[in-house]
Amino acid sequence: MRALIALGGNAMTAPDGTATVEAQREAIGTAAARIAELVATGTDVVVTHGNGPQVGNLLVKNELTAHVVPMVPLDWCGAQTQGTLGYTLTTCLDAALTAEGIERRAAALVTRTVVDADDPDFLQPSKPVGRFLPEAEAQRFVAEGQHWQDRGEKGWRRVVPSPQPREIVDAPAVLALVEAGFVVVAAGGGGIPVVRGEDGALTGVEAVIDKDLGAALLGRLVHADVLVIATDVDNAVIGWGTPDARPLGRVTVGEMRDIAAEGHFASGSMGPKVEAALRFAEQGGCSIITSLDRIRDAVAAVAEHVQGAGGSEDGAELVGTVIVPEPAPATV
């Protein structure tokens, strides 16, 4: 069994969103312990992670020190956070693996993701990043060519393109490390966004990539059996915030497409996770949306499904929302 685990931003910061060094180390240490428990079952693991709070902090430093040191573009911010979080994750993973009595070690890879230079999101940036500012301060950056939007009472916020991931440049290196026995950390923040020129050369762009959509693509390229989207809730929920709210257990791709089309999942939170889970399952794998504490049991439930043991819908509800491919047509 091979699993790709996508850690949400909540796994990188304190429960209240605090992103101090100490808070990040503690949160990542907790995540590493849960991942080591999964590795102890004999599962090959690739880890990817969000980087929203960390990139947001770098953008604030950009704004405050622009008169002292040159500002750096978003692809550099993504690369810097991959390095810092990769270092922290591998250090915590090595300690957790040792505590489990496992001889395997972790490795992190700076990872580039190709996007289409003609992606529509470059014309209409949609992803908010960084902090809120009063209009007068925001206009200073608008004058420098950045896109900022009025977000109501909180103030103005920068928005950047979030193009679709098309290719993980470094996926072959990730695969080689996994097959050499490493627990690999890769494609943090969905990967560093680059475009490929007519001559084949890669150039970084001012954009961010959805972490979960990048994970779905990387999972397929490294031959993962299961994509685990670890978040701060146990399940995707129909009717979230209403008296009729109901957690989803095991569903097929077709069933989940129909549910998503009914508008149950918000575009800024559960929506991208569901879309990523669907894309992976449509390629023949199984996807799970669950909380960090349940990833070992969730992967075990999927292993039963892959091995034909089935498992009940109620059982699936205990470990998260499990999206499975459509059953093959019966042969005559």
C-alpha atoms as a PDB file:
ATOM      1  CA  MET A   1       0.000   0.000   0.000  1.00  0.00           C
ATOM      2  CA  ARG A   2       1.273   3.475  -0.896  1.00  0.00           C
ATOM      3  CA  ALA A   3      -0.384   6.614   0.519  1.00  0.00           C
ATOM      4  CA  LEU A   4      -0.029  10.279  -0.300  1.00  0.00           C
ATOM      5  CA  ILE A   5      -0.948  12.394   2.720  1.00  0.00           C
ATOM      6  CA  ALA A   6      -1.896  16.023   2.187  1.00  0.00           C
ATOM      7  CA  LEU A   7      -1.526  17.953   5.439  1.00  0.00           C
ATOM      8  CA  GLY A   8      -3.747  20.994   5.762  1.00  0.00           C
ATOM      9  CA  GLY A   9      -2.655  24.320   7.136  1.00  0.00           C
ATOM     10  CA  ASN A  10      -4.096  23.355  10.521  1.00  0.00           C
ATOM     11  CA  ALA A  11      -1.405  20.683  10.793  1.00  0.00           C
ATOM     12  CA  MET A  12       1.317  23.338  10.413  1.00  0.00           C
ATOM     13  CA  THR A  13       0.141  25.844  13.034  1.00  0.00           C
ATOM     14  CA  ALA A  14      -1.449  26.027  16.470  1.00  0.00           C
ATOM     15  CA  PRO A  15      -5.219  25.320  16.711  1.00  0.00           C
ATOM     16  CA  ASP A  16      -5.906  29.074  16.805  1.00  0.00           C
ATOM     17  CA  GLY A  17      -3.825  29.647  13.649  1.00  0.00           C
ATOM     18  CA  THR A  18      -0.777  30.974  15.485  1.00  0.00           C
ATOM     19  CA  ALA A  19       2.318  30.446  13.312  1.00  0.00           C
ATOM     20  CA  THR A  20       5.176  31.138  15.705  1.00  0.00           C
ATOM     21  CA  VAL A  21       8.225  28.886  15.343  1.00  0.00           C
ATOM     22  CA  GLU A  22       7.310  27.056  18.547  1.00  0.00           C
ATOM     23  CA  ALA A  23       3.685  26.567  17.477  1.00  0.00           C
ATOM     24  CA  GLN A  24       4.732  25.227  14.087  1.00  0.00           C
ATOM     25  CA  ARG A  25       7.255  22.807  15.580  1.00  0.00           C
ATOM     26  CA  GLU A  26       4.687  21.459  18.047  1.00  0.00           C
ATOM     27  CA  ALA A  27       1.971  21.046  15.399  1.00  0.00           C
ATOM     28  CA  ILE A  28       4.331  19.390  12.908  1.00  0.00           C
ATOM     29  CA  GLY A  29       5.621  17.072  15.629  1.00  0.00           C
ATOM     30  CA  THR A  30       2.058  15.904  16.278  1.00  0.00           C
ATOM     31  CA  ALA A  31       1.474  15.322  12.559  1.00  0.00           C
ATOM     32  CA  ALA A  32       4.763  13.432  12.229  1.00  0.00           C
ATOM     33  CA  ALA A  33       3.749  11.059  15.036  1.00  0.00           C
ATOM     34  CA  ARG A  34       0.491  10.201  13.252  1.00  0.00           C
ATOM     35  CA  ILE A  35       2.366   9.623   9.965  1.00  0.00           C
ATOM     36  CA  ALA A  36       4.951   7.391  11.674  1.00  0.00           C
ATOM     37  CA  GLU A  37       2.106   5.248  13.029  1.00  0.00           C
ATOM     38  CA  LEU A  38       0.983   4.706   9.437  1.00  0.00           C
ATOM     39  CA  VAL A  39       4.504   3.922   8.232  1.00  0.00           C
ATOM     40  CA  ALA A  40       4.727   1.323  11.013  1.00  0.00           C
ATOM     41  CA  THR A  41       1.945  -0.636   9.268  1.00  0.00           C
ATOM     42  CA  GLY A  42       4.236  -1.126   6.252  1.00  0.00           C
ATOM     43  CA  THR A  43       2.689   1.653   4.153  1.00  0.00           C
ATOM     44  CA  ASP A  44       4.897   3.702   1.814  1.00  0.00           C
ATOM     45  CA  VAL A  45       4.173   7.384   2.470  1.00  0.00           C
ATOM     46  CA  VAL A  46       4.606  10.616   0.535  1.00  0.00           C
ATOM     47  CA  VAL A  47       3.696  13.803   2.410  1.00  0.00           C
ATOM     48  CA  THR A  48       2.666  17.136   0.977  1.00  0.00           C
ATOM     49  CA  HIS A  49       1.590  20.156   2.958  1.00  0.00           C
ATOM     50  CA  GLY A  50      -0.069  23.535   2.896  1.00  0.00           C
ATOM     51  CA  ASN A  51       1.944  26.730   3.309  1.00  0.00           C
ATOM     52  CA  GLY A  52      -0.655  29.494   3.444  1.00  0.00           C
ATOM     53  CA  PRO A  53       0.245  30.950   6.872  1.00  0.00           C
ATOM     54  CA  GLN A  54       3.971  30.733   6.135  1.00  0.00           C
ATOM     55  CA  VAL A  55       3.685  32.464   2.745  1.00  0.00           C
ATOM     56  CA  GLY A  56       1.454  35.062   4.389  1.00  0.00           C
ATOM     57  CA  ASN A  57       4.190  35.807   6.923  1.00  0.00           C
ATOM     58  CA  LEU A  58       6.786  36.222   4.155  1.00  0.00           C
ATOM     59  CA  LEU A  59       4.499  38.638   2.308  1.00  0.00           C
ATOM     60  CA  VAL A  60       4.181  40.756   5.448  1.00  0.00           C
ATOM     61  CA  LYS A  61       7.986  40.855   5.690  1.00  0.00           C
ATOM     62  CA  ASN A  62       8.051  41.908   2.045  1.00  0.00           C
ATOM     63  CA  GLU A  63       5.689  44.779   2.755  1.00  0.00           C
ATOM     64  CA  LEU A  64       7.459  45.984   5.900  1.00  0.00           C
ATOM     65  CA  THR A  65      11.020  45.824   4.590  1.00  0.00           C
ATOM     66  CA  ALA A  66      10.579  46.811   0.934  1.00  0.00           C
ATOM     67  CA  HIS A  67      12.518  50.038   1.604  1.00  0.00           C
ATOM     68  CA  VAL A  68      15.452  48.039   3.015  1.00  0.00           C
ATOM     69  CA  VAL A  69      15.768  44.815   0.977  1.00  0.00           C
ATOM     70  CA  PRO A  70      14.274  43.865  -2.412  1.00  0.00           C
ATOM     71  CA  MET A  71      10.840  42.218  -2.354  1.00  0.00           C
ATOM     72  CA  VAL A  72      10.783  38.610  -3.558  1.00  0.00           C
ATOM     73  CA  PRO A  73       8.129  37.107  -5.873  1.00  0.00           C
ATOM     74  CA  LEU A  74       5.569  34.472  -4.910  1.00  0.00           C
ATOM     75  CA  ASP A  75       7.458  31.572  -6.508  1.00  0.00           C
ATOM     76  CA  TRP A  76      10.425  32.432  -4.249  1.00  0.00           C
ATOM     77  CA  CYS A  77       8.086  32.570  -1.227  1.00  0.00           C
ATOM     78  CA  GLY A  78       6.808  29.108  -2.136  1.00  0.00           C
ATOM     79  CA  ALA A  79      10.334  27.764  -2.514  1.00  0.00           C
ATOM     80  CA  GLN A  80      11.425  29.243   0.816  1.00  0.00           C
ATOM     81  CA  THR A  81       8.487  27.703   2.668  1.00  0.00           C
ATOM     82  CA  GLN A  82       9.102  24.320   1.032  1.00  0.00           C
ATOM     83  CA  GLY A  83      12.642  24.469   2.380  1.00  0.00           C
ATOM     84  CA  THR A  84      11.712  25.534   5.898  1.00  0.00           C
ATOM     85  CA  LEU A  85       8.743  23.186   6.266  1.00  0.00           C
ATOM     86  CA  GLY A  86      10.628  20.351   4.562  1.00  0.00           C
ATOM     87  CA  TYR A  87      13.451  20.756   7.063  1.00  0.00           C
ATOM     88  CA  THR A  88      11.048  20.834  10.008  1.00  0.00           C
ATOM     89  CA  LEU A  89       8.916  17.941   8.770  1.00  0.00           C
ATOM     90  CA  THR A  90      11.862  15.653   8.033  1.00  0.00           C
ATOM     91  CA  THR A  91      13.418  16.402  11.421  1.00  0.00           C
ATOM     92  CA  CYS A  92      10.161  15.616  13.214  1.00  0.00           C
ATOM     93  CA  LEU A  93       9.496  12.565  11.020  1.00  0.00           C
ATOM     94  CA  ASP A  94      12.942  11.114  11.698  1.00  0.00           C
ATOM     95  CA  ALA A  95      12.357  11.461  15.438  1.00  0.00           C
ATOM     96  CA  ALA A  96       8.878   9.914  15.199  1.00  0.00           C
ATOM     97  CA  LEU A  97      10.106   7.018  13.044  1.00  0.00           C
ATOM     98  CA  THR A  98      12.862   6.310  15.545  1.00  0.00           C
ATOM     99  CA  ALA A  99      10.318   6.360  18.388  1.00  0.00           C
ATOM    100  CA  GLU A 100       8.290   3.736  16.489  1.00  0.00           C
ATOM    101  CA  GLY A 101      11.414   1.588  16.078  1.00  0.00           C
ATOM    102  CA  ILE A 102      11.438   2.095  12.303  1.00  0.00           C
ATOM    103  CA  GLU A 103      14.773   2.331  10.493  1.00  0.00           C
ATOM    104  CA  ARG A 104      13.381   4.272   7.509  1.00  0.00           C
ATOM    105  CA  ARG A 105      14.263   7.969   7.206  1.00  0.00           C
ATOM    106  CA  ALA A 106      12.620  11.058   5.723  1.00  0.00           C
ATOM    107  CA  ALA A 107      13.756  13.213   2.799  1.00  0.00           C
ATOM    108  CA  ALA A 108      12.385  16.511   1.452  1.00  0.00           C
ATOM    109  CA  LEU A 109      12.461  17.653  -2.143  1.00  0.00           C
ATOM    110  CA  VAL A 110      12.022  21.177  -3.508  1.00  0.00           C
ATOM    111  CA  THR A 111       9.329  20.558  -6.104  1.00  0.00           C
ATOM    112  CA  ARG A 112       8.233  22.558  -9.161  1.00  0.00           C
ATOM    113  CA  THR A 113       4.765  22.376 -10.715  1.00  0.00           C
ATOM    114  CA  VAL A 114       4.076  23.459 -14.289  1.00  0.00           C
ATOM    115  CA  VAL A 115       0.998  25.582 -14.914  1.00  0.00           C
ATOM    116  CA  ASP A 116      -0.456  26.860 -18.180  1.00  0.00           C
ATOM    117  CA  ALA A 117       0.590  30.437 -18.968  1.00  0.00           C
ATOM    118  CA  ASP A 118      -2.867  30.891 -20.535  1.00  0.00           C
ATOM    119  CA  ASP A 119      -4.760  29.668 -17.453  1.00  0.00           C
ATOM    120  CA  PRO A 120      -7.842  31.928 -17.051  1.00  0.00           C
ATOM    121  CA  ASP A 121      -6.935  32.664 -13.422  1.00  0.00           C
ATOM    122  CA  PHE A 122      -3.999  34.785 -14.586  1.00  0.00           C
ATOM    123  CA  LEU A 123      -6.538  37.213 -16.051  1.00  0.00           C
ATOM    124  CA  GLN A 124      -8.840  37.161 -13.024  1.00  0.00           C
ATOM    125  CA  PRO A 125      -6.812  36.422  -9.857  1.00  0.00           C
ATOM    126  CA  SER A 126      -9.007  34.717  -7.260  1.00  0.00           C
ATOM    127  CA  LYS A 127      -6.864  33.472  -4.372  1.00  0.00           C
ATOM    128  CA  PRO A 128      -6.539  35.793  -1.326  1.00  0.00           C
ATOM    129  CA  VAL A 129      -3.097  35.830   0.308  1.00  0.00           C
ATOM    130  CA  GLY A 130      -1.408  37.751   3.101  1.00  0.00           C
ATOM    131  CA  ARG A 131      -2.911  40.130   5.621  1.00  0.00           C
ATOM    132  CA  PHE A 132      -5.703  42.682   5.457  1.00  0.00           C
ATOM    133  CA  LEU A 133      -4.692  46.332   5.062  1.00  0.00           C
ATOM    134  CA  PRO A 134      -6.508  49.676   5.119  1.00  0.00           C
ATOM    135  CA  GLU A 135      -7.311  50.931   1.603  1.00  0.00           C
ATOM    136  CA  ALA A 136      -4.696  53.674   1.714  1.00  0.00           C
ATOM    137  CA  GLU A 137      -1.892  51.176   2.408  1.00  0.00           C
ATOM    138  CA  ALA A 138      -3.240  48.662  -0.117  1.00  0.00           C
ATOM    139  CA  GLN A 139      -3.267  51.304  -2.854  1.00  0.00           C
ATOM    140  CA  ARG A 140       0.511  51.647  -2.467  1.00  0.00           C
ATOM    141  CA  PHE A 141       0.885  48.064  -3.686  1.00  0.00           C
ATOM    142  CA  VAL A 142      -1.839  48.430  -6.317  1.00  0.00           C
ATOM    143  CA  ALA A 143       0.315  51.193  -7.783  1.00  0.00           C
ATOM    144  CA  GLU A 144       3.150  48.659  -8.028  1.00  0.00           C
ATOM    145  CA  GLY A 145       0.966  46.332 -10.136  1.00  0.00           C
ATOM    146  CA  GLN A 146      -0.481  44.017  -7.489  1.00  0.00           C
ATOM    147  CA  HIS A 147      -4.178  43.049  -7.391  1.00  0.00           C
ATOM    148  CA  TRP A 148      -5.995  43.930  -4.157  1.00  0.00           C
ATOM    149  CA  GLN A 149      -9.715  43.664  -3.360  1.00  0.00           C
ATOM    150  CA  ASP A 150     -11.986  45.418  -0.893  1.00  0.00           C
ATOM    151  CA  ARG A 151     -13.002  42.646   1.559  1.00  0.00           C
ATOM    152  CA  GLY A 152     -15.453  44.699   3.621  1.00  0.00           C
ATOM    153  CA  GLU A 153     -15.003  45.438   7.322  1.00  0.00           C
ATOM    154  CA  LYS A 154     -11.646  43.631   7.556  1.00  0.00           C
ATOM    155  CA  GLY A 155     -10.094  45.840   4.901  1.00  0.00           C
ATOM    156  CA  TRP A 156      -8.320  45.151   1.619  1.00  0.00           C
ATOM    157  CA  ARG A 157      -6.481  41.935   0.751  1.00  0.00           C
ATOM    158  CA  ARG A 158      -4.174  40.902  -2.080  1.00  0.00           C
ATOM    159  CA  VAL A 159      -5.493  38.326  -4.571  1.00  0.00           C
ATOM    160  CA  VAL A 160      -3.229  36.289  -6.852  1.00  0.00           C
ATOM    161  CA  PRO A 161      -3.758  33.744  -9.645  1.00  0.00           C
ATOM    162  CA  SER A 162      -4.307  30.105  -8.635  1.00  0.00           C
ATOM    163  CA  PRO A 163      -3.838  28.197 -11.918  1.00  0.00           C
ATOM    164  CA  GLN A 164      -4.471  24.500 -12.366  1.00  0.00           C
ATOM    165  CA  PRO A 165      -1.461  22.181 -11.810  1.00  0.00           C
ATOM    166  CA  ARG A 166      -0.535  20.443 -15.077  1.00  0.00           C
ATOM    167  CA  GLU A 167       2.772  18.652 -14.423  1.00  0.00           C
ATOM    168  CA  ILE A 168       4.947  17.897 -11.384  1.00  0.00           C
ATOM    169  CA  VAL A 169       8.447  18.423 -12.770  1.00  0.00           C
ATOM    170  CA  ASP A 170      10.194  16.569  -9.970  1.00  0.00           C
ATOM    171  CA  ALA A 171       7.769  13.633  -9.641  1.00  0.00           C
ATOM    172  CA  PRO A 172      10.335  11.118 -11.011  1.00  0.00           C
ATOM    173  CA  ALA A 173      12.747  12.104  -8.221  1.00  0.00           C
ATOM    174  CA  VAL A 174       9.972  11.725  -5.618  1.00  0.00           C
ATOM    175  CA  LEU A 175       9.188   8.264  -6.977  1.00  0.00           C
ATOM    176  CA  ALA A 176      12.852   7.232  -6.872  1.00  0.00           C
ATOM    177  CA  LEU A 177      13.139   8.301  -3.219  1.00  0.00           C
ATOM    178  CA  VAL A 178       9.950   6.424  -2.240  1.00  0.00           C
ATOM    179  CA  GLU A 179      11.126   3.259  -3.936  1.00  0.00           C
ATOM    180  CA  ALA A 180      14.483   3.646  -2.148  1.00  0.00           C
ATOM    181  CA  GLY A 181      12.597   3.448   1.152  1.00  0.00           C
ATOM    182  CA  PHE A 182      12.345   7.096   2.190  1.00  0.00           C
ATOM    183  CA  VAL A 183       9.300   8.853   3.609  1.00  0.00           C
ATOM    184  CA  VAL A 184       9.249  11.764   1.172  1.00  0.00           C
ATOM    185  CA  VAL A 185       8.068  15.331   1.724  1.00  0.00           C
ATOM    186  CA  ALA A 186       7.342  16.996  -1.634  1.00  0.00           C
ATOM    187  CA  ALA A 187       5.204  19.503  -3.551  1.00  0.00           C
ATOM    188  CA  GLY A 188       4.515  21.691  -0.512  1.00  0.00           C
ATOM    189  CA  GLY A 189       1.936  24.352  -1.250  1.00  0.00           C
ATOM    190  CA  GLY A 190       1.025  22.476  -4.431  1.00  0.00           C
ATOM    191  CA  GLY A 191       4.531  23.012  -5.794  1.00  0.00           C
ATOM    192  CA  ILE A 192       6.467  26.070  -6.932  1.00  0.00           C
ATOM    193  CA  PRO A 193       4.490  27.475  -9.892  1.00  0.00           C
ATOM    194  CA  VAL A 194       6.457  27.600 -13.149  1.00  0.00           C
ATOM    195  CA  VAL A 195       5.584  27.881 -16.830  1.00  0.00           C
ATOM    196  CA  ARG A 196       7.400  26.102 -19.622  1.00  0.00           C
ATOM    197  CA  GLY A 197       8.630  28.250 -22.523  1.00  0.00           C
ATOM    198  CA  GLU A 198       8.745  27.215 -26.180  1.00  0.00           C
ATOM    199  CA  ASP A 199      12.406  26.269 -25.674  1.00  0.00           C
ATOM    200  CA  GLY A 200      11.471  24.048 -22.706  1.00  0.00           C
ATOM    201  CA  ALA A 201      12.971  26.383 -20.098  1.00  0.00           C
ATOM    202  CA  LEU A 202      11.060  26.858 -16.834  1.00  0.00           C
ATOM    203  CA  THR A 203      10.262  30.278 -15.384  1.00  0.00           C
ATOM    204  CA  GLY A 204       8.640  31.009 -12.037  1.00  0.00           C
ATOM    205  CA  VAL A 205       5.358  32.942 -11.993  1.00  0.00           C
ATOM    206  CA  GLU A 206       3.461  35.106  -9.498  1.00  0.00           C
ATOM    207  CA  ALA A 207       0.833  32.574  -8.449  1.00  0.00           C
ATOM    208  CA  VAL A 208      -0.076  29.960  -5.861  1.00  0.00           C
ATOM    209  CA  ILE A 209      -1.309  26.427  -6.532  1.00  0.00           C
ATOM    210  CA  ASP A 210      -4.023  24.701  -4.551  1.00  0.00           C
ATOM    211  CA  LYS A 211      -2.236  22.213  -2.307  1.00  0.00           C
ATOM    212  CA  ASP A 212      -4.881  19.502  -2.588  1.00  0.00           C
ATOM    213  CA  LEU A 213      -5.121  19.685  -6.388  1.00  0.00           C
ATOM    214  CA  GLY A 214      -1.334  19.387  -6.552  1.00  0.00           C
ATOM    215  CA  ALA A 215      -1.518  16.391  -4.213  1.00  0.00           C
ATOM    216  CA  ALA A 216      -4.058  14.649  -6.454  1.00  0.00           C
ATOM    217  CA  LEU A 217      -1.722  15.028  -9.431  1.00  0.00           C
ATOM    218  CA  LEU A 218       1.397  13.964  -7.523  1.00  0.00           C
ATOM    219  CA  GLY A 219      -0.411  10.949  -6.070  1.00  0.00           C
ATOM    220  CA  ARG A 220      -1.134   9.602  -9.519  1.00  0.00           C
ATOM    221  CA  LEU A 221       2.456  10.189 -10.700  1.00  0.00           C
ATOM    222  CA  VAL A 222       3.989   8.304  -7.744  1.00  0.00           C
ATOM    223  CA  HIS A 223       1.490   5.424  -8.091  1.00  0.00           C
ATOM    224  CA  ALA A 224      -0.230   6.018  -4.753  1.00  0.00           C
ATOM    225  CA  ASP A 225      -3.143   3.692  -3.923  1.00  0.00           C
ATOM    226  CA  VAL A 226      -4.790   6.212  -1.653  1.00  0.00           C
ATOM    227  CA  LEU A 227      -4.880   9.998  -1.272  1.00  0.00           C
ATOM    228  CA  VAL A 228      -5.478  11.133   2.315  1.00  0.00           C
ATOM    229  CA  ILE A 229      -6.564  14.743   2.724  1.00  0.00           C
ATOM    230  CA  ALA A 230      -5.971  15.396   6.419  1.00  0.00           C
ATOM    231  CA  THR A 231      -7.979  18.329   7.692  1.00  0.00           C
ATOM    232  CA  ASP A 232      -9.515  19.595  10.931  1.00  0.00           C
ATOM    233  CA  VAL A 233     -12.825  17.731  10.557  1.00  0.00           C
ATOM    234  CA  ASP A 234     -13.572  14.003  10.494  1.00  0.00           C
ATOM    235  CA  ASN A 235     -15.731  13.988   7.358  1.00  0.00           C
ATOM    236  CA  ALA A 236     -17.048  16.046   4.483  1.00  0.00           C
ATOM    237  CA  VAL A 237     -20.558  17.077   5.498  1.00  0.00           C
ATOM    238  CA  ILE A 238     -23.806  17.557   3.563  1.00  0.00           C
ATOM    239  CA  GLY A 239     -25.743  20.599   4.727  1.00  0.00           C
ATOM    240  CA  TRP A 240     -22.890  22.010   6.796  1.00  0.00           C
ATOM    241  CA  GLY A 241     -24.140  24.493   9.385  1.00  0.00           C
ATOM    242  CA  THR A 242     -27.794  23.467   9.040  1.00  0.00           C
ATOM    243  CA  PRO A 243     -30.057  21.269  11.228  1.00  0.00           C
ATOM    244  CA  ASP A 244     -29.888  18.661   8.440  1.00  0.00           C
ATOM    245  CA  ALA A 245     -26.077  18.380   8.474  1.00  0.00           C
ATOM    246  CA  ARG A 246     -24.920  14.796   7.826  1.00  0.00           C
ATOM    247  CA  PRO A 247     -21.361  13.446   7.583  1.00  0.00           C
ATOM    248  CA  LEU A 248     -20.538  11.457   4.477  1.00  0.00           C
ATOM    249  CA  GLY A 249     -19.088   7.954   4.778  1.00  0.00           C
ATOM    250  CA  ARG A 250     -18.205   5.872   1.760  1.00  0.00           C
ATOM    251  CA  VAL A 251     -19.396   7.217  -1.597  1.00  0.00           C
ATOM    252  CA  THR A 252     -18.581   6.482  -5.215  1.00  0.00           C
ATOM    253  CA  VAL A 253     -17.114   9.065  -7.563  1.00  0.00           C
ATOM    254  CA  GLY A 254     -20.452   9.491  -9.306  1.00  0.00           C
ATOM    255  CA  GLU A 255     -22.346   9.951  -6.056  1.00  0.00           C
ATOM    256  CA  MET A 256     -19.839  12.555  -4.838  1.00  0.00           C
ATOM    257  CA  ARG A 257     -19.947  14.439  -8.162  1.00  0.00           C
ATOM    258  CA  ASP A 258     -23.725  14.701  -7.813  1.00  0.00           C
ATOM    259  CA  ILE A 259     -23.481  15.876  -4.202  1.00  0.00           C
ATOM    260  CA  ALA A 260     -20.818  18.470  -5.066  1.00  0.00           C
ATOM    261  CA  ALA A 261     -22.970  19.759  -7.956  1.00  0.00           C
ATOM    262  CA  GLU A 262     -25.710  20.509  -5.417  1.00  0.00           C
ATOM    263  CA  GLY A 263     -23.416  23.108  -3.813  1.00  0.00           C
ATOM    264  CA  HIS A 264     -22.755  21.447  -0.462  1.00  0.00           C
ATOM    265  CA  PHE A 265     -19.036  22.323  -0.330  1.00  0.00           C
ATOM    266  CA  ALA A 266     -17.750  25.897  -0.009  1.00  0.00           C
ATOM    267  CA  SER A 267     -15.258  27.047  -2.643  1.00  0.00           C
ATOM    268  CA  GLY A 268     -12.856  28.447  -0.069  1.00  0.00           C
ATOM    269  CA  SER A 269     -12.711  25.432   2.256  1.00  0.00           C
ATOM    270  CA  MET A 270     -14.095  21.924   1.594  1.00  0.00           C
ATOM    271  CA  GLY A 271     -14.761  22.493  -2.119  1.00  0.00           C
ATOM    272  CA  PRO A 272     -11.126  22.185  -3.341  1.00  0.00           C
ATOM    273  CA  LYS A 273     -10.555  19.167  -1.083  1.00  0.00           C
ATOM    274  CA  VAL A 274     -13.554  17.354  -2.557  1.00  0.00           C
ATOM    275  CA  GLU A 275     -12.483  18.265  -6.097  1.00  0.00           C
ATOM    276  CA  ALA A 276      -8.956  16.942  -5.464  1.00  0.00           C
ATOM    277  CA  ALA A 277     -10.310  13.751  -3.923  1.00  0.00           C
ATOM    278  CA  LEU A 278     -12.577  13.232  -6.934  1.00  0.00           C
ATOM    279  CA  ARG A 279      -9.796  13.797  -9.470  1.00  0.00           C
ATOM    280  CA  PHE A 280      -7.634  11.174  -7.766  1.00  0.00           C
ATOM    281  CA  ALA A 281     -10.446   8.616  -7.455  1.00  0.00           C
ATOM    282  CA  GLU A 282     -11.436   9.159 -11.094  1.00  0.00           C
ATOM    283  CA  GLN A 283      -7.985   7.850 -12.010  1.00  0.00           C
ATOM    284  CA  GLY A 284      -8.671   4.578 -10.167  1.00  0.00           C
ATOM    285  CA  GLY A 285      -7.381   5.265  -6.641  1.00  0.00           C
ATOM    286  CA  CYS A 286      -9.290   5.780  -3.394  1.00  0.00           C
ATOM    287  CA  SER A 287      -9.464   9.139  -1.618  1.00  0.00           C
ATOM    288  CA  ILE A 288     -10.122   9.915   2.032  1.00  0.00           C
ATOM    289  CA  ILE A 289     -11.046  13.183   3.692  1.00  0.00           C
ATOM    290  CA  THR A 290     -10.497  12.814   7.425  1.00  0.00           C
ATOM    291  CA  SER A 291      -8.853  14.276  10.511  1.00  0.00           C
ATOM    292  CA  LEU A 292      -5.172  13.845  11.262  1.00  0.00           C
ATOM    293  CA  ASP A 293      -5.820  11.479  14.171  1.00  0.00           C
ATOM    294  CA  ARG A 294      -7.637   8.992  11.932  1.00  0.00           C
ATOM    295  CA  ILE A 295      -5.275   8.597   8.985  1.00  0.00           C
ATOM    296  CA  ARG A 296      -3.947   5.186  10.046  1.00  0.00           C
ATOM    297  CA  ASP A 297      -7.438   3.693  10.504  1.00  0.00           C
ATOM    298  CA  ALA A 298      -8.663   5.381   7.333  1.00  0.00           C
ATOM    299  CA  VAL A 299      -5.879   3.885   5.214  1.00  0.00           C
ATOM    300  CA  ALA A 300      -6.557   0.480   6.801  1.00  0.00           C
ATOM    301  CA  ALA A 301     -10.217   0.771   5.773  1.00  0.00           C
ATOM    302  CA  VAL A 302      -9.214   1.560   2.201  1.00  0.00           C
ATOM    303  CA  ALA A 303      -6.791  -1.361   2.196  1.00  0.00           C
ATOM    304  CA  GLU A 304      -9.727  -3.631   3.031  1.00  0.00           C
ATOM    305  CA  HIS A 305     -11.657  -2.150   0.116  1.00  0.00           C
ATOM    306  CA  VAL A 306      -8.716  -2.587  -2.298  1.00  0.00           C
ATOM    307  CA  GLN A 307      -8.300  -6.188  -1.156  1.00  0.00           C
ATOM    308  CA  GLY A 308     -11.997  -6.864  -1.742  1.00  0.00           C
ATOM    309  CA  ALA A 309     -12.996  -7.121   1.894  1.00  0.00           C
ATOM    310  CA  GLY A 310     -15.623  -4.450   1.305  1.00  0.00           C
ATOM    311  CA  GLY A 311     -16.533  -2.762   4.560  1.00  0.00           C
ATOM    312  CA  SER A 312     -19.801  -1.094   5.439  1.00  0.00           C
ATOM    313  CA  GLU A 313     -20.814   2.481   4.820  1.00  0.00           C
ATOM    314  CA  ASP A 314     -21.189   2.855   8.575  1.00  0.00           C
ATOM    315  CA  GLY A 315     -17.651   1.646   8.989  1.00  0.00           C
ATOM    316  CA  ALA A 316     -16.450   4.240   6.485  1.00  0.00           C
ATOM    317  CA  GLU A 317     -18.156   6.964   8.508  1.00  0.00           C
ATOM    318  CA  LEU A 318     -15.985   6.051  11.487  1.00  0.00           C
ATOM    319  CA  VAL A 319     -12.770   6.896   9.649  1.00  0.00           C
ATOM    320  CA  GLY A 320     -13.782   9.743   7.323  1.00  0.00           C
ATOM    321  CA  THR A 321     -15.288  10.351   3.913  1.00  0.00           C
ATOM    322  CA  VAL A 322     -13.984   7.650   1.579  1.00  0.00           C
ATOM    323  CA  ILE A 323     -14.417   8.167  -2.173  1.00  0.00           C
ATOM    324  CA  VAL A 324     -14.050   5.007  -4.220  1.00  0.00           C
ATOM    325  CA  PRO A 325     -14.093   4.430  -7.993  1.00  0.00           C
ATOM    326  CA  GLU A 326     -17.267   3.285  -9.663  1.00  0.00           C
ATOM    327  CA  PRO A 327     -17.678  -0.518  -9.475  1.00  0.00           C
ATOM    328  CA  ALA A 328     -16.767  -2.356 -12.658  1.00  0.00           C
ATOM    329  CA  PRO A 329     -19.748  -3.476 -14.784  1.00  0.00           C
ATOM    330  CA  ALA A 330     -20.804  -7.046 -14.139  1.00  0.00           C
ATOM    331  CA  THR A 331     -19.589  -9.485 -16.795  1.00  0.00           C
ATOM    332  CA  VAL A 332     -22.062 -11.821 -18.491  1.00  0.00           C
END
